[in-house]
Amino acid sequence: MDDRQSWIPQELEHLSGQGLLRRRRVVTPLAGGWCVVSGCKLRNFSANDYLDLARDPRVIAAAEHALSTAGAG
């Protein structure tokens, strides 16, 4: 590490000591609108399909009907 970056380890230690050091969260998406975060299974409200409607047969049938009657574009 060159001299311009020598302050970084000390600053990271300072932030860590104050509980301010951020950690990356690993989010594992699951089927059915769920995900796992830090070992906890949670409802994934940040996804577009949190209600799991993309695989609902009624929604698929309605989309097929709309495409066949109105088209796309």
PDB file of N, CA and C in Angstrom:
ATOM      1  N   MET A   1       0.857  -1.177   0.000  1.00  0.00           N
ATOM      2  CA  MET A   1       0.000   0.000   0.000  1.00  0.00           C
ATOM      3  C   MET A   1       0.899   1.234   0.000  1.00  0.00           C
ATOM      4  N   ASP A   2       0.634   2.190  -0.882  1.00  0.00           N
ATOM      5  CA  ASP A   2       1.492   3.369  -0.914  1.00  0.00           C
ATOM      6  C   ASP A   2       1.086   4.348   0.196  1.00  0.00           C
ATOM      7  N   ASP A   3       1.881   5.394   0.379  1.00  0.00           N
ATOM      8  CA  ASP A   3       1.689   6.339   1.491  1.00  0.00           C
ATOM      9  C   ASP A   3       0.348   7.062   1.429  1.00  0.00           C
ATOM     10  N   ARG A   4      -0.207   7.232   0.226  1.00  0.00           N
ATOM     11  CA  ARG A   4      -1.489   7.942   0.119  1.00  0.00           C
ATOM     12  C   ARG A   4      -2.633   7.141   0.734  1.00  0.00           C
ATOM     13  N   GLN A   5      -2.455   5.838   0.908  1.00  0.00           N
ATOM     14  CA  GLN A   5      -3.519   4.982   1.444  1.00  0.00           C
ATOM     15  C   GLN A   5      -3.182   4.448   2.831  1.00  0.00           C
ATOM     16  N   SER A   6      -2.123   4.927   3.426  1.00  0.00           N
ATOM     17  CA  SER A   6      -1.678   4.382   4.709  1.00  0.00           C
ATOM     18  C   SER A   6      -2.658   4.664   5.850  1.00  0.00           C
ATOM     19  N   TRP A   7      -3.526   5.632   5.709  1.00  0.00           N
ATOM     20  CA  TRP A   7      -4.495   5.985   6.744  1.00  0.00           C
ATOM     21  C   TRP A   7      -5.698   5.029   6.785  1.00  0.00           C
ATOM     22  N   ILE A   8      -5.893   4.239   5.738  1.00  0.00           N
ATOM     23  CA  ILE A   8      -7.103   3.418   5.620  1.00  0.00           C
ATOM     24  C   ILE A   8      -7.223   2.370   6.726  1.00  0.00           C
ATOM     25  N   PRO A   9      -6.210   1.546   7.015  1.00  0.00           N
ATOM     26  CA  PRO A   9      -6.382   0.536   8.079  1.00  0.00           C
ATOM     27  C   PRO A   9      -6.743   1.140   9.439  1.00  0.00           C
ATOM     28  N   GLN A  10      -6.122   2.270   9.776  1.00  0.00           N
ATOM     29  CA  GLN A  10      -6.415   2.914  11.055  1.00  0.00           C
ATOM     30  C   GLN A  10      -7.863   3.438  11.072  1.00  0.00           C
ATOM     31  N   GLU A  11      -8.293   4.014  10.000  1.00  0.00           N
ATOM     32  CA  GLU A  11      -9.667   4.529   9.922  1.00  0.00           C
ATOM     33  C   GLU A  11     -10.684   3.392   9.989  1.00  0.00           C
ATOM     34  N   LEU A  12     -10.408   2.272   9.328  1.00  0.00           N
ATOM     35  CA  LEU A  12     -11.298   1.123   9.399  1.00  0.00           C
ATOM     36  C   LEU A  12     -11.378   0.577  10.822  1.00  0.00           C
ATOM     37  N   GLU A  13     -10.257   0.533  11.509  1.00  0.00           N
ATOM     38  CA  GLU A  13     -10.243   0.072  12.903  1.00  0.00           C
ATOM     39  C   GLU A  13     -11.060   1.018  13.780  1.00  0.00           C
ATOM     40  N   HIS A  14     -10.935   2.309  13.544  1.00  0.00           N
ATOM     41  CA  HIS A  14     -11.696   3.310  14.306  1.00  0.00           C
ATOM     42  C   HIS A  14     -13.198   3.136  14.067  1.00  0.00           C
ATOM     43  N   LEU A  15     -13.599   2.995  12.823  1.00  0.00           N
ATOM     44  CA  LEU A  15     -15.016   2.795  12.508  1.00  0.00           C
ATOM     45  C   LEU A  15     -15.534   1.500  13.116  1.00  0.00           C
ATOM     46  N   SER A  16     -14.737   0.453  13.065  1.00  0.00           N
ATOM     47  CA  SER A  16     -15.133  -0.831  13.632  1.00  0.00           C
ATOM     48  C   SER A  16     -15.333  -0.714  15.146  1.00  0.00           C
ATOM     49  N   GLY A  17     -14.452  -0.004  15.812  1.00  0.00           N
ATOM     50  CA  GLY A  17     -14.547   0.186  17.259  1.00  0.00           C
ATOM     51  C   GLY A  17     -15.796   0.938  17.676  1.00  0.00           C
ATOM     52  N   GLN A  18     -16.305   1.793  16.785  1.00  0.00           N
ATOM     53  CA  GLN A  18     -17.522   2.556  17.068  1.00  0.00           C
ATOM     54  C   GLN A  18     -18.783   1.837  16.585  1.00  0.00           C
ATOM     55  N   GLY A  19     -18.608   0.664  16.012  1.00  0.00           N
ATOM     56  CA  GLY A  19     -19.763  -0.066  15.493  1.00  0.00           C
ATOM     57  C   GLY A  19     -20.316   0.537  14.215  1.00  0.00           C
ATOM     58  N   LEU A  20     -19.500   1.276  13.500  1.00  0.00           N
ATOM     59  CA  LEU A  20     -19.952   1.971  12.292  1.00  0.00           C
ATOM     60  C   LEU A  20     -19.458   1.332  10.995  1.00  0.00           C
ATOM     61  N   LEU A  21     -18.701   0.263  11.111  1.00  0.00           N
ATOM     62  CA  LEU A  21     -18.178  -0.391   9.920  1.00  0.00           C
ATOM     63  C   LEU A  21     -19.271  -1.228   9.283  1.00  0.00           C
ATOM     64  N   ARG A  22     -19.563  -0.950   8.054  1.00  0.00           N
ATOM     65  CA  ARG A  22     -20.625  -1.669   7.350  1.00  0.00           C
ATOM     66  C   ARG A  22     -20.116  -3.015   6.862  1.00  0.00           C
ATOM     67  N   ARG A  23     -20.990  -3.978   6.883  1.00  0.00           N
ATOM     68  CA  ARG A  23     -20.701  -5.303   6.353  1.00  0.00           C
ATOM     69  C   ARG A  23     -21.688  -5.591   5.232  1.00  0.00           C
ATOM     70  N   ARG A  24     -21.235  -6.258   4.215  1.00  0.00           N
ATOM     71  CA  ARG A  24     -22.102  -6.628   3.106  1.00  0.00           C
ATOM     72  C   ARG A  24     -23.030  -7.743   3.547  1.00  0.00           C
ATOM     73  N   ARG A  25     -24.313  -7.572   3.297  1.00  0.00           N
ATOM     74  CA  ARG A  25     -25.286  -8.623   3.589  1.00  0.00           C
ATOM     75  C   ARG A  25     -25.441  -9.511   2.378  1.00  0.00           C
ATOM     76  N   VAL A  26     -25.524 -10.777   2.641  1.00  0.00           N
ATOM     77  CA  VAL A  26     -25.763 -11.732   1.565  1.00  0.00           C
ATOM     78  C   VAL A  26     -27.246 -12.088   1.601  1.00  0.00           C
ATOM     79  N   VAL A  27     -27.935 -11.793   0.504  1.00  0.00           N
ATOM     80  CA  VAL A  27     -29.359 -12.090   0.384  1.00  0.00           C
ATOM     81  C   VAL A  27     -29.510 -13.190  -0.658  1.00  0.00           C
ATOM     82  N   THR A  28     -30.110 -14.293  -0.250  1.00  0.00           N
ATOM     83  CA  THR A  28     -30.321 -15.419  -1.145  1.00  0.00           C
ATOM     84  C   THR A  28     -31.805 -15.488  -1.487  1.00  0.00           C
ATOM     85  N   PRO A  29     -32.170 -15.196  -2.740  1.00  0.00           N
ATOM     86  CA  PRO A  29     -33.583 -15.266  -3.108  1.00  0.00           C
ATOM     87  C   PRO A  29     -34.077 -16.708  -3.145  1.00  0.00           C
ATOM     88  N   LEU A  30     -35.298 -16.909  -2.706  1.00  0.00           N
ATOM     89  CA  LEU A  30     -35.938 -18.215  -2.735  1.00  0.00           C
ATOM     90  C   LEU A  30     -37.237 -18.118  -3.529  1.00  0.00           C
ATOM     91  N   ALA A  31     -37.755 -19.243  -3.936  1.00  0.00           N
ATOM     92  CA  ALA A  31     -39.031 -19.270  -4.647  1.00  0.00           C
ATOM     93  C   ALA A  31     -40.156 -18.861  -3.700  1.00  0.00           C
ATOM     94  N   GLY A  32     -41.234 -18.404  -4.272  1.00  0.00           N
ATOM     95  CA  GLY A  32     -42.406 -18.084  -3.477  1.00  0.00           C
ATOM     96  C   GLY A  32     -42.373 -16.724  -2.823  1.00  0.00           C
ATOM     97  N   GLY A  33     -41.459 -15.839  -3.259  1.00  0.00           N
ATOM     98  CA  GLY A  33     -41.395 -14.501  -2.689  1.00  0.00           C
ATOM     99  C   GLY A  33     -40.639 -14.440  -1.370  1.00  0.00           C
ATOM    100  N   TRP A  34     -39.779 -15.409  -1.099  1.00  0.00           N
ATOM    101  CA  TRP A  34     -39.006 -15.451   0.134  1.00  0.00           C
ATOM    102  C   TRP A  34     -37.526 -15.257  -0.162  1.00  0.00           C
ATOM    103  N   CYS A  35     -36.760 -14.969   0.867  1.00  0.00           N
ATOM    104  CA  CYS A  35     -35.311 -14.885   0.755  1.00  0.00           C
ATOM    105  C   CYS A  35     -34.705 -15.272   2.100  1.00  0.00           C
ATOM    106  N   VAL A  36     -33.401 -15.501   2.109  1.00  0.00           N
ATOM    107  CA  VAL A  36     -32.676 -15.776   3.341  1.00  0.00           C
ATOM    108  C   VAL A  36     -31.656 -14.662   3.531  1.00  0.00           C
ATOM    109  N   VAL A  37     -31.700 -14.013   4.711  1.00  0.00           N
ATOM    110  CA  VAL A  37     -30.746 -12.968   5.078  1.00  0.00           C
ATOM    111  C   VAL A  37     -30.185 -13.319   6.445  1.00  0.00           C
ATOM    112  N   SER A  38     -28.886 -13.444   6.524  1.00  0.00           N
ATOM    113  CA  SER A  38     -28.212 -13.790   7.784  1.00  0.00           C
ATOM    114  C   SER A  38     -28.831 -15.016   8.450  1.00  0.00           C
ATOM    115  N   GLY A  39     -29.183 -16.002   7.651  1.00  0.00           N
ATOM    116  CA  GLY A  39     -29.732 -17.240   8.175  1.00  0.00           C
ATOM    117  C   GLY A  39     -31.213 -17.208   8.503  1.00  0.00           C
ATOM    118  N   CYS A  40     -31.868 -16.077   8.289  1.00  0.00           N
ATOM    119  CA  CYS A  40     -33.299 -15.951   8.590  1.00  0.00           C
ATOM    120  C   CYS A  40     -34.104 -15.956   7.293  1.00  0.00           C
ATOM    121  N   LYS A  41     -35.159 -16.764   7.251  1.00  0.00           N
ATOM    122  CA  LYS A  41     -36.054 -16.777   6.098  1.00  0.00           C
ATOM    123  C   LYS A  41     -37.048 -15.634   6.247  1.00  0.00           C
ATOM    124  N   LEU A  42     -37.077 -14.745   5.253  1.00  0.00           N
ATOM    125  CA  LEU A  42     -37.898 -13.538   5.306  1.00  0.00           C
ATOM    126  C   LEU A  42     -38.694 -13.376   4.026  1.00  0.00           C
ATOM    127  N   ARG A  43     -39.799 -12.659   4.093  1.00  0.00           N
ATOM    128  CA  ARG A  43     -40.561 -12.288   2.908  1.00  0.00           C
ATOM    129  C   ARG A  43     -39.746 -11.245   2.161  1.00  0.00           C
ATOM    130  N   ASN A  44     -39.591 -11.408   0.866  1.00  0.00           N
ATOM    131  CA  ASN A  44     -38.749 -10.528   0.058  1.00  0.00           C
ATOM    132  C   ASN A  44     -39.584  -9.405  -0.548  1.00  0.00           C
ATOM    133  N   PHE A  45     -39.839  -8.368   0.243  1.00  0.00           N
ATOM    134  CA  PHE A  45     -40.638  -7.242  -0.234  1.00  0.00           C
ATOM    135  C   PHE A  45     -39.861  -6.316  -1.165  1.00  0.00           C
ATOM    136  N   SER A  46     -38.565  -6.519  -1.312  1.00  0.00           N
ATOM    137  CA  SER A  46     -37.779  -5.668  -2.207  1.00  0.00           C
ATOM    138  C   SER A  46     -37.770  -6.200  -3.642  1.00  0.00           C
ATOM    139  N   ALA A  47     -38.332  -7.376  -3.863  1.00  0.00           N
ATOM    140  CA  ALA A  47     -38.376  -7.951  -5.204  1.00  0.00           C
ATOM    141  C   ALA A  47     -39.672  -7.538  -5.902  1.00  0.00           C
ATOM    142  N   ASN A  48     -39.666  -7.584  -7.210  1.00  0.00           N
ATOM    143  CA  ASN A  48     -40.871  -7.250  -7.965  1.00  0.00           C
ATOM    144  C   ASN A  48     -41.961  -8.302  -7.804  1.00  0.00           C
ATOM    145  N   ASP A  49     -41.601  -9.507  -7.469  1.00  0.00           N
ATOM    146  CA  ASP A  49     -42.574 -10.598  -7.402  1.00  0.00           C
ATOM    147  C   ASP A  49     -42.727 -11.123  -5.975  1.00  0.00           C
ATOM    148  N   TYR A  50     -42.804 -10.211  -4.990  1.00  0.00           N
ATOM    149  CA  TYR A  50     -42.872 -10.654  -3.604  1.00  0.00           C
ATOM    150  C   TYR A  50     -44.168 -11.392  -3.277  1.00  0.00           C
ATOM    151  N   LEU A  51     -45.201 -11.238  -4.095  1.00  0.00           N
ATOM    152  CA  LEU A  51     -46.438 -11.998  -3.892  1.00  0.00           C
ATOM    153  C   LEU A  51     -46.430 -13.308  -4.662  1.00  0.00           C
ATOM    154  N   ASP A  52     -45.358 -13.557  -5.402  1.00  0.00           N
ATOM    155  CA  ASP A  52     -45.183 -14.784  -6.180  1.00  0.00           C
ATOM    156  C   ASP A  52     -46.285 -14.968  -7.221  1.00  0.00           C
ATOM    157  N   LEU A  53     -46.717 -13.864  -7.817  1.00  0.00           N
ATOM    158  CA  LEU A  53     -47.785 -13.937  -8.815  1.00  0.00           C
ATOM    159  C   LEU A  53     -47.268 -14.347 -10.190  1.00  0.00           C
ATOM    160  N   ALA A  54     -45.973 -14.266 -10.423  1.00  0.00           N
ATOM    161  CA  ALA A  54     -45.429 -14.594 -11.741  1.00  0.00           C
ATOM    162  C   ALA A  54     -45.657 -16.056 -12.102  1.00  0.00           C
ATOM    163  N   ARG A  55     -45.819 -16.909 -11.108  1.00  0.00           N
ATOM    164  CA  ARG A  55     -46.058 -18.326 -11.382  1.00  0.00           C
ATOM    165  C   ARG A  55     -47.506 -18.739 -11.122  1.00  0.00           C
ATOM    166  N   ASP A  56     -48.359 -17.777 -10.815  1.00  0.00           N
ATOM    167  CA  ASP A  56     -49.767 -18.096 -10.553  1.00  0.00           C
ATOM    168  C   ASP A  56     -50.443 -18.450 -11.878  1.00  0.00           C
ATOM    169  N   PRO A  57     -51.056 -19.622 -11.980  1.00  0.00           N
ATOM    170  CA  PRO A  57     -51.680 -20.050 -13.238  1.00  0.00           C
ATOM    171  C   PRO A  57     -52.758 -19.084 -13.732  1.00  0.00           C
ATOM    172  N   ARG A  58     -53.455 -18.423 -12.822  1.00  0.00           N
ATOM    173  CA  ARG A  58     -54.488 -17.459 -13.233  1.00  0.00           C
ATOM    174  C   ARG A  58     -53.866 -16.239 -13.909  1.00  0.00           C
ATOM    175  N   VAL A  59     -52.750 -15.780 -13.376  1.00  0.00           N
ATOM    176  CA  VAL A  59     -52.064 -14.623 -13.961  1.00  0.00           C
ATOM    177  C   VAL A  59     -51.488 -14.997 -15.318  1.00  0.00           C
ATOM    178  N   ILE A  60     -50.903 -16.179 -15.402  1.00  0.00           N
ATOM    179  CA  ILE A  60     -50.338 -16.636 -16.677  1.00  0.00           C
ATOM    180  C   ILE A  60     -51.431 -16.763 -17.732  1.00  0.00           C
ATOM    181  N   ALA A  61     -52.577 -17.334 -17.366  1.00  0.00           N
ATOM    182  CA  ALA A  61     -53.678 -17.473 -18.305  1.00  0.00           C
ATOM    183  C   ALA A  61     -54.197 -16.113 -18.756  1.00  0.00           C
ATOM    184  N   ALA A  62     -54.305 -15.173 -17.839  1.00  0.00           N
ATOM    185  CA  ALA A  62     -54.774 -13.827 -18.185  1.00  0.00           C
ATOM    186  C   ALA A  62     -53.784 -13.142 -19.138  1.00  0.00           C
ATOM    187  N   ALA A  63     -52.493 -13.331 -18.888  1.00  0.00           N
ATOM    188  CA  ALA A  63     -51.478 -12.729 -19.763  1.00  0.00           C
ATOM    189  C   ALA A  63     -51.530 -13.348 -21.156  1.00  0.00           C
ATOM    190  N   GLU A  64     -51.691 -14.661 -21.212  1.00  0.00           N
ATOM    191  CA  GLU A  64     -51.794 -15.341 -22.523  1.00  0.00           C
ATOM    192  C   GLU A  64     -53.023 -14.848 -23.279  1.00  0.00           C
ATOM    193  N   HIS A  65     -54.132 -14.693 -22.568  1.00  0.00           N
ATOM    194  CA  HIS A  65     -55.359 -14.216 -23.205  1.00  0.00           C
ATOM    195  C   HIS A  65     -55.167 -12.774 -23.727  1.00  0.00           C
ATOM    196  N   ALA A  66     -54.561 -11.933 -22.923  1.00  0.00           N
ATOM    197  CA  ALA A  66     -54.332 -10.543 -23.330  1.00  0.00           C
ATOM    198  C   ALA A  66     -53.420 -10.490 -24.552  1.00  0.00           C
ATOM    199  N   LEU A  67     -52.374 -11.306 -24.576  1.00  0.00           N
ATOM    200  CA  LEU A  67     -51.472 -11.324 -25.729  1.00  0.00           C
ATOM    201  C   LEU A  67     -52.168 -11.816 -26.989  1.00  0.00           C
ATOM    202  N   SER A  68     -53.026 -12.828 -26.845  1.00  0.00           N
ATOM    203  CA  SER A  68     -53.679 -13.384 -28.033  1.00  0.00           C
ATOM    204  C   SER A  68     -54.764 -12.458 -28.568  1.00  0.00           C
ATOM    205  N   THR A  69     -55.353 -11.662 -27.702  1.00  0.00           N
ATOM    206  CA  THR A  69     -56.425 -10.763 -28.169  1.00  0.00           C
ATOM    207  C   THR A  69     -55.917  -9.363 -28.506  1.00  0.00           C
ATOM    208  N   ALA A  70     -54.970  -8.854 -27.751  1.00  0.00           N
ATOM    209  CA  ALA A  70     -54.513  -7.466 -27.960  1.00  0.00           C
ATOM    210  C   ALA A  70     -53.113  -7.382 -28.544  1.00  0.00           C
ATOM    211  N   GLY A  71     -52.345  -8.444 -28.426  1.00  0.00           N
ATOM    212  CA  GLY A  71     -50.968  -8.391 -28.930  1.00  0.00           C
ATOM    213  C   GLY A  71     -50.054  -7.689 -27.952  1.00  0.00           C
ATOM    214  N   ALA A  72     -48.857  -7.455 -28.395  1.00  0.00           N
ATOM    215  CA  ALA A  72     -47.851  -6.771 -27.563  1.00  0.00           C
ATOM    216  C   ALA A  72     -47.189  -5.690 -28.381  1.00  0.00           C
ATOM    217  N   GLY A  73     -46.732  -4.665 -27.691  1.00  0.00           N
ATOM    218  CA  GLY A  73     -45.984  -3.634 -28.396  1.00  0.00           C
ATOM    219  C   GLY A  73     -46.465  -2.256 -28.150  1.00  0.00           C
TER     220      GLY A  73
END
